[in-house]
Amino acid sequence: MREQTLTDKEKLFELIYQLKILLENQNTVPASIFSNKLSPAEALIKYLKENKGLKNSEIARMLNRDQRGIWSTNKRAQKKMPRAIPEGLEEPRIPLSIFSDRKLSILEHTVTHLRKTHKIADIARILNKDPSTIAAVNHRARRKLE
């Protein structure tokens, strides 16, 4: 009987862990969405619209941007990339809350966030960009924040 209880506890811990991952992923976006041919704003808006099913007004509120700009950016993204952006769960994730601060661009926020735990070369690989581009974006963001 004791073994059964232990197994139940293990199952419970696994369910709690999976729920924790789901809750954390609700307010984040995978860093890989920025690794395609879309601009960072187009990729983020397209992902939120198609993958998360959010309305333009919700996206505008989350990102501290005008709803009309969200609409036009999404239309541009649709023309450039008609298919949905693939999503990975086990990759670095970026909290949505950082994008509402307009001091930095979306790419600058992404690089700044990833820079806390990753090297420039790793960020370049994740975002499918040249390391010198990532270094320049990181440097520009640091200057803006000073």
Protein backbone atom coordinates (compact mmCIF):
# COMPACT_ATOMS: atom_id res chain seq x y z
CA MET A 1 0.00 0.00 0.00
CA ARG A 2 2.87 2.34 0.73
CA GLU A 3 4.25 1.91 -2.81
CA GLN A 4 0.89 2.94 -4.28
CA THR A 5 0.89 6.15 -2.22
CA LEU A 6 4.40 6.97 -3.38
CA THR A 7 3.34 6.46 -7.00
CA ASP A 8 0.33 8.71 -6.48
CA LYS A 9 2.59 11.39 -5.00
CA GLU A 10 4.92 11.13 -7.96
CA LYS A 11 1.98 11.50 -10.34
CA LEU A 12 0.75 14.50 -8.39
CA PHE A 13 4.18 16.15 -8.52
CA GLU A 14 4.36 15.51 -12.26
CA LEU A 15 0.92 17.11 -12.78
CA ILE A 16 1.91 20.11 -10.67
CA TYR A 17 5.12 20.49 -12.69
CA GLN A 18 3.21 20.34 -15.99
CA LEU A 19 0.67 22.89 -14.72
CA LYS A 20 3.53 25.18 -13.64
CA ILE A 21 5.06 24.96 -17.15
CA LEU A 22 1.68 25.74 -18.76
CA LEU A 23 1.10 28.76 -16.52
CA GLU A 24 4.59 30.10 -17.14
CA ASN A 25 4.15 29.67 -20.90
CA GLN A 26 0.86 31.59 -20.92
CA ASN A 27 2.53 34.95 -20.39
CA THR A 28 5.63 34.25 -22.45
CA VAL A 29 6.59 33.78 -26.08
CA PRO A 30 9.25 31.42 -27.41
CA ALA A 31 12.41 33.23 -28.48
CA SER A 32 12.46 31.23 -31.72
CA ILE A 33 9.51 33.20 -33.15
CA PHE A 34 12.02 35.96 -33.90
CA SER A 35 14.20 33.65 -36.03
CA ASN A 36 12.26 33.92 -39.29
CA LYS A 37 12.09 36.46 -42.12
CA LEU A 38 9.56 38.68 -40.32
CA SER A 39 10.52 41.80 -38.40
CA PRO A 40 10.43 41.30 -34.60
CA ALA A 41 7.18 43.28 -34.33
CA GLU A 42 5.57 41.30 -37.15
CA ALA A 43 6.66 37.99 -35.62
CA LEU A 44 5.41 38.89 -32.16
CA ILE A 45 2.04 40.19 -33.35
CA LYS A 46 1.50 37.28 -35.76
CA TYR A 47 2.34 34.80 -32.99
CA LEU A 48 -0.01 36.45 -30.48
CA LYS A 49 -2.81 36.68 -33.04
CA GLU A 50 -2.56 33.22 -34.62
CA ASN A 51 -0.98 30.99 -31.99
CA LYS A 52 -2.55 32.55 -28.89
CA GLY A 53 -5.82 33.65 -30.53
CA LEU A 54 -5.71 37.18 -29.12
CA LYS A 55 -7.67 40.10 -30.55
CA ASN A 56 -5.94 43.21 -31.92
CA SER A 57 -7.23 45.25 -28.97
CA GLU A 58 -5.78 42.74 -26.47
CA ILE A 59 -2.42 42.72 -28.25
CA ALA A 60 -2.37 46.52 -28.38
CA ARG A 61 -3.05 46.73 -24.66
CA MET A 62 -0.38 44.12 -23.81
CA LEU A 63 2.27 45.77 -25.97
CA ASN A 64 1.34 49.39 -25.19
CA ARG A 65 0.77 50.13 -28.87
CA ASP A 66 -1.99 51.51 -31.07
CA GLN A 67 -4.59 49.01 -32.25
CA ARG A 68 -4.42 50.29 -35.83
CA GLY A 69 -0.68 49.64 -35.88
CA ILE A 70 -1.27 46.09 -34.65
CA TRP A 71 -3.75 45.51 -37.48
CA SER A 72 -1.44 46.83 -40.22
CA THR A 73 1.61 45.00 -38.83
CA ASN A 74 -0.37 41.76 -38.77
CA LYS A 75 -1.50 42.27 -42.39
CA ARG A 76 2.13 42.82 -43.48
CA ALA A 77 3.19 39.68 -41.62
CA GLN A 78 0.40 37.67 -43.29
CA LYS A 79 1.65 38.68 -46.73
CA LYS A 80 5.27 37.81 -45.91
CA MET A 81 4.48 34.55 -44.13
CA PRO A 82 1.05 32.98 -44.70
CA ARG A 83 1.73 29.90 -42.57
CA ALA A 84 1.68 29.91 -38.77
CA ILE A 85 4.83 30.40 -36.73
CA PRO A 86 5.92 27.08 -35.19
CA GLU A 87 6.13 27.03 -31.41
CA GLY A 88 8.59 25.20 -29.19
CA LEU A 89 8.08 24.64 -25.48
CA GLU A 90 11.57 23.73 -24.27
CA GLU A 91 13.39 26.79 -25.52
CA PRO A 92 14.14 30.14 -23.95
CA ARG A 93 10.93 32.07 -23.43
CA ILE A 94 10.49 35.83 -23.26
CA PRO A 95 7.96 37.38 -20.84
CA LEU A 96 5.34 39.42 -22.68
CA SER A 97 5.40 42.12 -20.01
CA ILE A 98 8.81 43.43 -21.12
CA PHE A 99 7.49 44.48 -24.53
CA SER A 100 5.12 47.09 -23.09
CA ASP A 101 8.09 49.33 -22.22
CA ARG A 102 8.60 51.53 -25.29
CA LYS A 103 12.15 52.64 -24.37
CA LEU A 104 13.59 49.68 -26.28
CA SER A 105 12.60 47.99 -29.52
CA ILE A 106 11.18 44.47 -29.48
CA LEU A 107 14.50 43.02 -30.62
CA GLU A 108 16.40 45.05 -28.03
CA HIS A 109 14.11 43.77 -25.28
CA THR A 110 14.53 40.21 -26.52
CA VAL A 111 18.32 40.40 -26.65
CA THR A 112 18.52 42.17 -23.27
CA HIS A 113 16.37 39.50 -21.66
CA LEU A 114 18.29 36.61 -23.22
CA ARG A 115 21.63 38.23 -22.40
CA LYS A 116 20.95 37.64 -18.69
CA THR A 117 21.41 33.90 -19.19
CA HIS A 118 22.98 33.40 -22.63
CA LYS A 119 26.11 34.39 -24.50
CA ILE A 120 25.96 36.54 -27.65
CA ALA A 121 26.75 33.53 -29.86
CA ASP A 122 23.94 31.49 -28.30
CA ILE A 123 21.45 34.33 -28.74
CA ALA A 124 22.52 34.67 -32.38
CA ARG A 125 21.89 30.96 -32.91
CA ILE A 126 18.48 31.08 -31.18
CA LEU A 127 17.36 34.14 -33.17
CA ASN A 128 19.03 33.04 -36.42
CA LYS A 129 20.96 36.29 -36.68
CA ASP A 130 24.60 37.21 -37.08
CA PRO A 131 26.51 37.49 -33.77
CA SER A 132 27.71 40.98 -34.71
CA THR A 133 24.07 42.06 -35.13
CA ILE A 134 23.20 40.72 -31.68
CA ALA A 135 26.24 42.44 -30.18
CA ALA A 136 25.25 45.75 -31.81
CA VAL A 137 21.64 45.44 -30.62
CA ASN A 138 22.85 44.60 -27.10
CA HIS A 139 25.21 47.58 -27.08
CA ARG A 140 22.49 49.94 -28.35
CA ALA A 141 20.03 48.70 -25.71
CA ARG A 142 22.58 49.18 -22.92
CA ARG A 143 23.24 52.74 -24.09
CA LYS A 144 19.52 53.52 -24.13
CA LEU A 145 19.10 52.16 -20.60
CA GLU A 146 21.98 54.19 -19.13
